N, C-alpha and C. Protein backbone atom coordinates (compact mmCIF):
# COMPACT_ATOMS: atom_id res chain seq x y z
N MET A 1 126.64 74.84 92.42
CA MET A 1 125.78 76.32 93.02
C MET A 1 124.82 76.28 93.35
N LEU A 2 124.51 77.09 93.84
CA LEU A 2 123.49 77.08 95.12
C LEU A 2 122.85 78.84 95.04
N ASN A 3 121.49 78.69 93.94
CA ASN A 3 120.47 79.55 93.54
C ASN A 3 119.43 79.67 94.04
N LEU A 4 119.24 80.46 94.48
CA LEU A 4 117.36 80.53 95.50
C LEU A 4 117.11 81.38 95.31
N VAL A 5 115.27 81.65 94.84
CA VAL A 5 114.53 82.62 94.34
C VAL A 5 114.08 82.30 96.28
N LEU A 6 114.07 83.63 96.75
CA LEU A 6 113.26 83.66 97.64
C LEU A 6 112.12 84.68 97.65
N PHE A 7 110.76 84.41 97.92
CA PHE A 7 109.23 84.71 97.65
C PHE A 7 108.99 84.99 98.48
N GLY A 8 107.91 86.32 98.14
CA GLY A 8 107.11 86.57 99.45
C GLY A 8 106.62 87.57 99.53
N PRO A 9 105.05 88.55 100.14
CA PRO A 9 104.40 88.96 99.85
C PRO A 9 105.67 90.38 100.93
N PRO A 10 105.05 91.58 100.58
CA PRO A 10 106.53 92.69 101.53
C PRO A 10 105.68 92.26 103.13
N GLY A 11 107.13 91.94 103.63
CA GLY A 11 106.55 92.21 105.45
C GLY A 11 106.69 90.47 105.80
N ALA A 12 107.43 89.46 104.56
CA ALA A 12 107.21 88.14 104.74
C ALA A 12 108.31 88.04 105.50
N GLY A 13 109.69 88.84 105.46
CA GLY A 13 110.69 88.39 106.25
C GLY A 13 111.62 87.79 105.19
N LYS A 14 111.78 87.95 104.14
CA LYS A 14 112.56 87.35 103.25
C LYS A 14 114.18 88.31 103.53
N GLY A 15 113.98 89.07 103.45
CA GLY A 15 115.72 90.19 104.25
C GLY A 15 116.22 89.44 105.39
N THR A 16 114.78 88.80 106.96
CA THR A 16 115.66 88.36 108.16
C THR A 16 115.85 86.88 107.62
N GLN A 17 115.55 86.00 106.26
CA GLN A 17 116.07 84.91 106.36
C GLN A 17 117.09 85.21 105.13
N ALA A 18 117.14 85.42 104.50
CA ALA A 18 117.77 85.58 103.29
C ALA A 18 119.37 86.40 104.33
N ASN A 19 119.20 86.59 105.49
CA ASN A 19 120.63 86.89 106.21
C ASN A 19 121.48 85.87 106.27
N PHE A 20 119.85 84.54 107.16
CA PHE A 20 120.29 83.52 107.74
C PHE A 20 121.43 82.51 106.50
N LEU A 21 120.36 82.65 105.71
CA LEU A 21 120.91 81.58 104.38
C LEU A 21 121.76 82.11 103.23
N LYS A 22 122.49 82.79 103.73
CA LYS A 22 123.55 83.59 103.59
C LYS A 22 124.53 83.21 103.92
N GLU A 23 124.39 83.30 105.69
CA GLU A 23 125.80 82.91 106.32
C GLU A 23 125.23 80.58 106.59
N GLU A 24 124.20 80.70 106.33
CA GLU A 24 124.51 79.23 106.53
C GLU A 24 124.75 78.13 105.23
N TYR A 25 124.87 78.94 103.72
CA TYR A 25 125.31 78.22 102.72
C TYR A 25 126.68 79.32 102.26
N GLY A 26 126.94 80.45 102.92
CA GLY A 26 128.29 81.11 102.30
C GLY A 26 127.70 81.65 100.52
N LEU A 27 126.39 81.90 100.41
CA LEU A 27 125.95 83.10 99.11
C LEU A 27 126.02 84.14 99.25
N ILE A 28 125.49 85.17 97.92
CA ILE A 28 125.60 86.48 98.29
C ILE A 28 124.01 86.28 98.09
N HIS A 29 123.94 87.67 98.98
CA HIS A 29 122.57 87.61 99.05
C HIS A 29 122.61 89.25 98.06
N LEU A 30 121.27 88.89 96.96
CA LEU A 30 121.05 90.13 95.66
C LEU A 30 119.70 90.29 96.00
N SER A 31 118.83 91.62 96.41
CA SER A 31 117.71 92.12 97.07
C SER A 31 117.76 93.13 96.10
N THR A 32 116.73 93.34 95.23
CA THR A 32 116.51 93.74 94.24
C THR A 32 116.02 95.36 95.23
N GLY A 33 115.03 95.25 96.46
CA GLY A 33 114.91 97.01 97.32
C GLY A 33 115.91 96.63 97.35
N ASP A 34 116.91 97.01 98.68
CA ASP A 34 118.26 96.74 98.49
C ASP A 34 118.91 97.80 97.54
N LEU A 35 118.87 97.41 96.33
CA LEU A 35 119.86 97.59 95.15
C LEU A 35 118.52 99.00 94.14
N LEU A 36 118.19 98.63 94.77
CA LEU A 36 116.73 100.30 94.25
C LEU A 36 117.34 101.07 94.88
N ARG A 37 117.16 100.98 96.20
CA ARG A 37 117.19 101.57 96.90
C ARG A 37 118.63 102.83 97.32
N SER A 38 119.74 101.90 96.83
CA SER A 38 120.52 102.19 96.60
C SER A 38 120.65 103.29 95.59
N ARG A 39 120.31 102.90 95.00
CA ARG A 39 120.05 103.84 93.69
C ARG A 39 119.63 105.20 94.12
N ILE A 40 118.70 105.09 94.05
CA ILE A 40 117.31 106.46 94.75
C ILE A 40 118.29 107.09 95.65
N ALA A 41 119.25 106.75 96.73
CA ALA A 41 119.76 107.09 97.46
C ALA A 41 120.84 108.38 96.65
N GLU A 42 121.61 107.78 95.59
CA GLU A 42 122.53 107.63 94.95
C GLU A 42 122.40 108.88 94.17
N GLY A 43 121.04 108.72 93.83
CA GLY A 43 120.57 110.34 92.60
C GLY A 43 120.38 109.71 91.49
N THR A 44 120.58 108.20 91.19
CA THR A 44 121.06 107.68 89.98
C THR A 44 119.68 108.13 89.01
N ALA A 45 119.94 108.36 87.65
CA ALA A 45 119.07 108.27 86.56
C ALA A 45 117.67 106.94 86.95
N LEU A 46 118.62 105.90 86.81
CA LEU A 46 118.25 104.45 87.70
C LEU A 46 117.01 104.63 88.71
N GLY A 47 117.65 105.02 89.90
CA GLY A 47 116.97 105.32 90.96
C GLY A 47 115.68 106.68 90.63
N ILE A 48 116.13 107.34 90.36
CA ILE A 48 115.41 108.28 90.45
C ILE A 48 113.82 107.64 89.79
N GLU A 49 114.02 107.00 87.92
CA GLU A 49 112.84 106.36 87.56
C GLU A 49 111.53 105.16 88.39
N ALA A 50 113.08 104.65 88.89
CA ALA A 50 112.54 103.61 90.15
C ALA A 50 111.53 104.00 91.39
N LYS A 51 111.95 105.45 91.61
CA LYS A 51 111.05 105.88 93.00
C LYS A 51 110.13 106.21 92.35
N GLN A 52 109.75 106.66 91.21
CA GLN A 52 108.43 107.08 91.11
C GLN A 52 107.42 105.96 91.10
N TYR A 53 108.19 104.82 90.85
CA TYR A 53 106.86 103.72 90.56
C TYR A 53 106.86 103.12 92.29
N MET A 54 108.61 102.92 93.21
CA MET A 54 108.11 102.01 94.10
C MET A 54 107.33 103.48 95.31
N ASP A 55 106.83 104.50 95.26
CA ASP A 55 106.60 105.35 95.99
C ASP A 55 104.79 105.28 96.19
N LYS A 56 104.48 105.09 94.64
CA LYS A 56 102.96 104.31 94.58
C LYS A 56 103.06 102.98 95.20
N GLY A 57 103.61 102.47 95.62
CA GLY A 57 103.57 100.45 96.08
C GLY A 57 103.83 99.78 94.31
N GLU A 58 104.49 100.19 93.65
CA GLU A 58 103.99 99.51 92.20
C GLU A 58 105.83 98.94 91.83
N LEU A 59 105.85 97.92 91.01
CA LEU A 59 107.07 97.58 90.71
C LEU A 59 107.58 98.40 90.00
N ALA A 60 109.12 97.90 89.75
CA ALA A 60 109.98 98.79 89.08
C ALA A 60 109.95 98.00 87.63
N PRO A 61 109.47 98.82 86.65
CA PRO A 61 109.81 98.26 85.19
C PRO A 61 110.88 96.92 85.02
N ASP A 62 110.71 96.14 84.20
CA ASP A 62 111.65 94.82 84.42
C ASP A 62 112.74 95.04 83.80
N ASN A 63 112.67 95.84 82.36
CA ASN A 63 114.36 95.98 82.32
C ASN A 63 114.73 97.10 82.87
N ILE A 64 114.55 97.54 84.42
CA ILE A 64 115.12 98.35 85.65
C ILE A 64 115.70 97.12 86.13
N VAL A 65 114.88 96.41 86.54
CA VAL A 65 115.66 95.85 87.64
C VAL A 65 116.34 94.49 86.92
N ILE A 66 116.51 93.77 85.62
CA ILE A 66 117.14 92.72 84.91
C ILE A 66 118.44 93.28 84.69
N GLY A 67 118.37 94.81 83.72
CA GLY A 67 120.00 95.47 84.59
C GLY A 67 120.59 95.58 84.62
N MET A 68 119.91 95.15 86.39
CA MET A 68 121.35 95.56 87.99
C MET A 68 121.39 94.35 87.90
N ILE A 69 120.21 93.36 87.84
CA ILE A 69 120.72 91.89 88.73
C ILE A 69 121.90 90.98 87.84
N ARG A 70 121.11 91.25 86.06
CA ARG A 70 123.09 90.81 85.49
C ARG A 70 124.15 92.30 85.21
N ASN A 71 124.17 92.87 85.91
CA ASN A 71 125.90 93.46 86.17
C ASN A 71 125.96 92.79 87.76
N THR A 72 125.11 92.87 88.68
CA THR A 72 125.41 91.87 89.81
C THR A 72 126.27 90.73 89.65
N LEU A 73 125.77 89.95 89.42
CA LEU A 73 126.15 88.58 88.31
C LEU A 73 127.21 88.57 87.97
N LYS A 74 128.04 89.19 86.75
CA LYS A 74 128.93 89.58 86.84
C LYS A 74 130.42 90.00 87.54
N LYS A 75 129.74 90.91 88.90
CA LYS A 75 130.47 91.18 89.66
C LYS A 75 131.36 89.97 90.06
N HIS A 76 130.76 89.02 90.66
CA HIS A 76 130.48 87.79 91.89
C HIS A 76 130.59 86.35 91.21
N PRO A 77 131.86 86.14 89.70
CA PRO A 77 131.67 84.93 88.60
C PRO A 77 131.89 84.01 89.60
N ASP A 78 132.63 84.56 90.90
CA ASP A 78 133.35 83.25 91.43
C ASP A 78 132.10 82.66 92.72
N ALA A 79 131.28 82.93 92.62
CA ALA A 79 130.46 82.96 93.66
C ALA A 79 129.76 81.59 94.36
N ASN A 80 129.67 81.78 95.70
CA ASN A 80 128.84 79.53 95.68
C ASN A 80 127.62 79.33 95.42
N GLY A 81 126.41 80.93 95.16
CA GLY A 81 125.44 80.83 94.71
C GLY A 81 124.98 82.16 95.50
N PHE A 82 123.68 82.42 94.87
CA PHE A 82 122.97 83.59 95.04
C PHE A 82 121.97 83.31 95.47
N ILE A 83 121.05 84.30 96.50
CA ILE A 83 120.07 83.96 97.31
C ILE A 83 119.72 85.67 96.37
N PHE A 84 117.94 85.57 95.48
CA PHE A 84 117.58 86.11 94.86
C PHE A 84 116.60 86.92 95.78
N ASP A 85 116.78 87.88 96.58
CA ASP A 85 115.13 88.38 97.25
C ASP A 85 114.92 89.30 96.37
N GLY A 86 113.22 89.17 96.14
CA GLY A 86 112.65 90.39 95.46
C GLY A 86 112.83 90.10 94.04
N PHE A 87 113.83 88.83 93.43
CA PHE A 87 113.53 89.02 92.10
C PHE A 87 113.37 87.32 91.63
N PRO A 88 112.80 86.88 90.50
CA PRO A 88 111.56 87.66 89.84
C PRO A 88 110.51 87.61 90.26
N ARG A 89 110.12 88.60 90.38
CA ARG A 89 108.42 89.16 90.30
C ARG A 89 107.55 89.09 89.26
N THR A 90 108.10 88.99 88.32
CA THR A 90 107.64 88.67 86.85
C THR A 90 107.55 87.62 86.26
N VAL A 91 107.12 86.87 85.03
CA VAL A 91 107.46 85.89 84.67
C VAL A 91 108.31 86.83 83.10
N PRO A 92 108.39 87.34 82.93
CA PRO A 92 109.31 87.57 82.15
C PRO A 92 110.81 88.07 82.76
N GLN A 93 110.68 88.22 83.61
CA GLN A 93 111.97 88.27 84.84
C GLN A 93 112.25 87.00 85.20
N ALA A 94 111.73 86.41 85.51
CA ALA A 94 112.35 84.87 86.06
C ALA A 94 112.95 84.48 84.39
N ASP A 95 111.64 84.31 83.24
CA ASP A 95 112.85 83.77 82.32
C ASP A 95 114.04 84.55 82.14
N ALA A 96 113.94 86.14 82.37
CA ALA A 96 115.38 86.46 81.99
C ALA A 96 115.56 85.78 83.31
N LEU A 97 116.17 85.77 84.12
CA LEU A 97 116.97 84.59 85.21
C LEU A 97 117.15 83.62 84.37
N ASP A 98 117.01 82.86 84.77
CA ASP A 98 116.87 81.37 83.99
C ASP A 98 117.75 81.79 82.87
N GLU A 99 117.79 82.87 81.63
CA GLU A 99 118.60 82.51 80.94
C GLU A 99 119.57 83.45 80.83
N MET A 100 119.89 84.02 82.21
CA MET A 100 120.99 84.79 82.28
C MET A 100 122.23 83.05 82.97
N LEU A 101 121.05 82.28 83.73
CA LEU A 101 121.77 81.50 85.29
C LEU A 101 122.42 80.25 83.92
N ASN A 102 121.76 79.90 82.96
CA ASN A 102 121.79 78.66 82.31
C ASN A 102 122.77 79.10 81.48
N LYS A 103 123.19 80.45 81.01
CA LYS A 103 124.29 80.22 80.21
C LYS A 103 125.50 79.65 80.60
N ASN A 104 126.07 79.89 81.92
CA ASN A 104 126.36 79.48 82.80
C ASN A 104 125.99 78.17 83.44
N ASN A 105 125.31 77.24 83.05
CA ASN A 105 125.18 75.74 84.04
C ASN A 105 124.69 76.08 85.50
N VAL A 106 123.96 77.43 85.80
CA VAL A 106 123.81 76.83 87.12
C VAL A 106 122.19 77.68 87.38
N PRO A 107 121.41 76.65 86.94
CA PRO A 107 119.97 76.72 86.88
C PRO A 107 119.57 77.25 88.45
N VAL A 108 118.08 77.89 88.56
CA VAL A 108 117.92 78.13 89.98
C VAL A 108 117.43 76.40 90.69
N SER A 109 118.28 76.55 91.92
CA SER A 109 118.43 75.60 92.69
C SER A 109 116.58 75.27 93.01
N GLY A 110 115.62 76.11 93.48
CA GLY A 110 114.71 76.09 94.17
C GLY A 110 113.88 77.21 94.23
N MET A 111 112.37 77.41 94.20
CA MET A 111 111.94 79.08 94.92
C MET A 111 111.41 78.48 96.17
N LEU A 112 111.60 78.77 97.18
CA LEU A 112 111.41 79.33 98.81
C LEU A 112 110.31 79.71 98.77
N SER A 113 109.24 79.91 99.09
CA SER A 113 108.00 81.03 99.14
C SER A 113 107.55 80.96 100.46
N LEU A 114 107.81 82.09 101.33
CA LEU A 114 107.21 82.45 102.54
C LEU A 114 105.59 82.88 102.68
N GLU A 115 104.82 82.26 103.58
CA GLU A 115 103.86 82.13 103.15
C GLU A 115 103.41 82.91 104.74
N VAL A 116 102.75 83.90 104.74
CA VAL A 116 102.31 84.78 105.65
C VAL A 116 101.44 85.22 105.83
N GLU A 117 100.63 85.08 106.84
CA GLU A 117 98.51 86.11 106.44
C GLU A 117 98.99 87.89 106.46
N LYS A 118 97.52 88.20 105.49
CA LYS A 118 97.65 89.35 105.60
C LYS A 118 98.04 90.89 106.50
N GLU A 119 96.46 90.19 107.36
CA GLU A 119 97.02 91.02 108.50
C GLU A 119 97.91 90.85 109.56
N GLU A 120 99.14 90.12 109.23
CA GLU A 120 100.35 89.82 110.05
C GLU A 120 101.25 90.77 108.89
N LEU A 121 101.46 90.61 107.73
CA LEU A 121 102.32 91.65 106.78
C LEU A 121 101.87 92.92 107.12
N ILE A 122 101.11 93.04 107.71
CA ILE A 122 100.51 94.84 107.90
C ILE A 122 101.30 95.03 109.26
N LYS A 123 100.97 94.28 109.84
CA LYS A 123 101.54 94.75 111.08
C LYS A 123 103.10 94.89 111.24
N ARG A 124 103.89 93.52 110.49
CA ARG A 124 105.09 93.45 110.40
C ARG A 124 105.66 95.09 109.65
N LEU A 125 104.87 95.26 108.50
CA LEU A 125 105.81 96.67 107.72
C LEU A 125 105.86 97.93 108.90
N LEU A 126 104.22 98.00 109.19
CA LEU A 126 104.33 99.47 110.59
C LEU A 126 105.12 99.02 111.61
N ASN A 127 105.35 97.91 111.88
CA ASN A 127 106.15 98.28 113.21
C ASN A 127 107.55 98.14 112.10
N ARG A 128 108.35 97.96 111.45
CA ARG A 128 109.49 97.59 110.18
C ARG A 128 109.91 99.87 109.82
N ALA A 129 108.75 99.81 109.88
CA ALA A 129 108.33 101.44 109.79
C ALA A 129 108.91 102.39 110.51
N GLN A 130 108.44 101.73 111.53
CA GLN A 130 109.03 102.45 112.67
C GLN A 130 110.85 102.24 113.41
N ILE A 131 111.13 101.92 113.41
CA ILE A 131 112.50 101.15 113.43
C ILE A 131 113.30 101.62 111.99
N SER A 132 112.70 101.32 110.97
CA SER A 132 113.81 101.85 109.48
C SER A 132 113.48 102.91 109.37
N GLY A 133 112.09 103.64 109.21
CA GLY A 133 112.10 104.72 108.17
C GLY A 133 112.12 104.67 106.99
N ARG A 134 111.23 103.45 107.14
CA ARG A 134 111.34 103.54 105.70
C ARG A 134 109.94 103.68 104.92
N VAL A 135 109.82 104.46 104.14
CA VAL A 135 108.80 105.99 103.28
C VAL A 135 107.42 104.32 102.52
N ASP A 136 108.24 103.81 102.66
CA ASP A 136 106.63 102.53 101.22
C ASP A 136 106.62 101.75 102.93
N ASP A 137 106.85 101.47 104.15
CA ASP A 137 106.31 100.86 104.86
C ASP A 137 105.61 101.95 105.89
N GLN A 138 105.54 102.92 106.22
CA GLN A 138 104.64 103.60 106.78
C GLN A 138 103.53 104.01 106.21
N ASN A 139 102.86 103.70 105.28
CA ASN A 139 101.59 104.15 105.20
C ASN A 139 100.69 102.85 105.02
N GLN A 140 99.61 103.15 105.37
CA GLN A 140 98.92 101.17 105.11
C GLN A 140 98.20 101.23 103.82
N GLU A 141 97.79 102.39 102.74
CA GLU A 141 97.56 102.22 101.82
C GLU A 141 98.28 101.42 101.05
N VAL A 142 99.32 102.00 101.21
CA VAL A 142 100.28 102.25 100.38
C VAL A 142 100.54 100.51 100.08
N ILE A 143 100.64 99.82 102.24
CA ILE A 143 101.12 98.61 102.20
C ILE A 143 100.09 97.59 101.50
N LYS A 144 98.99 98.14 101.97
CA LYS A 144 97.42 96.93 100.96
C LYS A 144 97.86 97.37 99.58
N ASN A 145 98.44 98.46 98.89
CA ASN A 145 98.85 98.27 97.72
C ASN A 145 99.72 97.32 97.01
N ARG A 146 100.79 97.36 97.99
CA ARG A 146 101.94 96.44 97.75
C ARG A 146 101.91 95.45 97.52
N ILE A 147 100.78 94.61 98.68
CA ILE A 147 100.27 93.70 98.83
C ILE A 147 99.61 93.32 97.51
N ASN A 148 98.40 94.44 96.87
CA ASN A 148 97.66 93.58 96.38
C ASN A 148 98.67 93.37 95.35
N VAL A 149 99.45 94.13 94.28
CA VAL A 149 100.64 94.22 93.49
C VAL A 149 101.42 93.19 93.15
N TYR A 150 101.39 92.63 94.42
CA TYR A 150 102.65 91.38 94.81
C TYR A 150 101.42 90.21 94.00
N ASN A 151 100.56 90.11 94.89
CA ASN A 151 99.79 88.87 94.51
C ASN A 151 98.87 88.92 93.03
N GLU A 152 99.03 89.82 92.79
CA GLU A 152 98.57 90.25 90.86
C GLU A 152 99.56 90.09 90.07
N LYS A 153 100.77 90.58 90.31
CA LYS A 153 101.90 90.46 89.82
C LYS A 153 102.48 89.22 89.38
N THR A 154 103.15 88.66 90.84
CA THR A 154 103.92 87.47 90.94
C THR A 154 102.68 86.25 91.23
N PHE A 155 101.59 86.41 91.51
CA PHE A 155 101.70 84.76 91.56
C PHE A 155 101.38 84.15 90.70
N PRO A 156 101.75 84.83 89.59
CA PRO A 156 102.34 83.61 87.88
C PRO A 156 103.46 82.50 88.39
N LEU A 157 104.25 83.32 89.08
CA LEU A 157 105.59 82.51 89.71
C LEU A 157 105.15 80.89 90.10
N ILE A 158 104.52 81.52 91.04
CA ILE A 158 104.32 79.66 92.07
C ILE A 158 104.40 79.04 90.89
N GLU A 159 103.17 79.38 89.94
CA GLU A 159 102.76 78.24 88.36
C GLU A 159 104.33 78.17 87.65
N TYR A 160 105.14 78.79 87.65
CA TYR A 160 106.19 78.98 86.84
C TYR A 160 107.33 77.87 87.37
N TYR A 161 107.17 78.01 88.87
CA TYR A 161 108.61 77.35 89.56
C TYR A 161 107.41 75.54 89.36
N LYS A 162 106.43 75.93 90.24
CA LYS A 162 105.66 74.59 90.12
C LYS A 162 105.93 73.93 88.84
N SER A 163 105.87 74.33 87.34
CA SER A 163 106.22 73.38 86.31
C SER A 163 107.44 73.07 86.23
N GLN A 164 108.31 74.06 86.68
CA GLN A 164 109.40 73.22 86.88
C GLN A 164 110.01 72.49 88.12
N ASN A 165 109.18 71.81 88.61
CA ASN A 165 109.62 71.28 90.21
C ASN A 165 110.37 71.61 91.26
N LYS A 166 110.49 73.43 91.12
CA LYS A 166 111.18 74.00 91.97
C LYS A 166 110.65 74.74 92.96
N PHE A 167 109.03 74.45 93.37
CA PHE A 167 108.53 75.30 94.31
C PHE A 167 108.41 75.06 95.63
N TYR A 168 108.42 75.36 96.89
CA TYR A 168 108.31 75.11 98.33
C TYR A 168 107.96 75.82 98.90
N ALA A 169 106.54 76.27 99.75
CA ALA A 169 105.92 76.62 99.83
C ALA A 169 106.55 76.53 101.83
N ILE A 170 106.85 77.59 102.56
CA ILE A 170 107.79 77.78 103.50
C ILE A 170 106.67 78.22 104.34
N ASN A 171 106.68 77.71 105.53
CA ASN A 171 105.29 78.36 106.96
C ASN A 171 105.96 80.01 107.04
N GLY A 172 105.73 81.00 106.75
CA GLY A 172 106.66 82.05 106.99
C GLY A 172 106.08 82.40 108.85
N MET A 173 105.04 82.05 109.18
CA MET A 173 104.44 82.45 110.58
C MET A 173 105.44 82.06 112.03
N GLY A 174 105.24 82.14 112.78
CA GLY A 174 106.22 82.42 114.35
C GLY A 174 106.79 82.88 114.34
N THR A 175 108.58 82.29 115.21
CA THR A 175 109.84 82.88 115.06
C THR A 175 110.55 82.90 113.88
N VAL A 176 111.15 83.86 114.42
CA VAL A 176 112.56 83.76 113.22
C VAL A 176 113.02 82.57 113.02
N ASP A 177 113.77 81.88 114.01
CA ASP A 177 113.99 80.72 114.55
C ASP A 177 113.58 79.16 113.97
N ASP A 178 112.38 79.40 113.61
CA ASP A 178 111.20 78.19 113.51
C ASP A 178 111.27 78.41 112.16
N ILE A 179 111.16 79.35 111.53
CA ILE A 179 111.28 79.96 110.20
C ILE A 179 112.34 79.19 109.17
N SER A 180 113.59 80.01 109.85
CA SER A 180 114.76 79.45 109.15
C SER A 180 114.87 77.90 109.64
N ARG A 181 114.69 77.43 110.59
CA ARG A 181 114.76 75.79 110.84
C ARG A 181 114.13 75.21 109.09
N ARG A 182 112.82 75.58 109.12
CA ARG A 182 111.96 74.74 108.24
C ARG A 182 112.52 75.65 106.55
N LEU A 183 113.44 76.65 106.40
CA LEU A 183 113.72 76.68 105.25
C LEU A 183 114.88 75.86 105.24
N LYS A 184 115.73 75.75 105.74
CA LYS A 184 116.97 74.85 106.34
C LYS A 184 116.76 73.62 105.87
N GLU A 185 115.80 72.87 106.46
CA GLU A 185 115.12 71.63 105.94
C GLU A 185 115.52 71.34 104.71
N VAL A 186 114.62 72.18 103.47
CA VAL A 186 114.27 72.54 102.51
C VAL A 186 115.55 72.48 101.76
N VAL A 187 116.45 73.65 102.22
CA VAL A 187 117.69 73.80 101.10
C VAL A 187 118.80 72.86 101.59
N ASP A 188 118.64 71.76 102.48
CA ASP A 188 119.85 70.70 103.01
C ASP A 188 119.22 69.81 101.99
N ARG A 189 118.08 69.68 101.54
CA ARG A 189 117.60 68.99 100.40
C ARG A 189 117.72 68.96 98.68
N PHE A 190 118.31 69.92 98.65
CA PHE A 190 118.96 69.99 97.13
C PHE A 190 120.84 70.20 96.88
């Protein structure tokens, strides 16, 4: 089983590259952002609670996100593997993911970190806001806060996965095809 953690700041292209990896390797794309947005659209209690954090550019609490991931994994017991997009974002989430996967002897294969310059991230997110209408992509201050939260809260994950020899930095600048090719070169070694 191939379990990939796709890592990178907002606007790094995780969703785009997750679609490539999903098709290339027959994996299930598990985007916590998509899961949260669908709960918000459905008006669930979970969605309402998560929205309060997301509207400020902050991370939803671990217990909400871990519960959603656990439920989704249970729905796909025969999967070839998963692409975790936007999860884990904290060390406690990474510990929880390891615990869930190790129970079935299917650990994380690798953490692929898309590296993108801050100015490029802001440009990509503002452009995405025009196309998708996503509220969290429309305000430059919220975007900067999301990037700062990412840097503060998720940077320790790099050390977490480095200590397991599962961290792979990928140049996230350039064309979509260039980035996909770089990802494939790394994943094909697993």
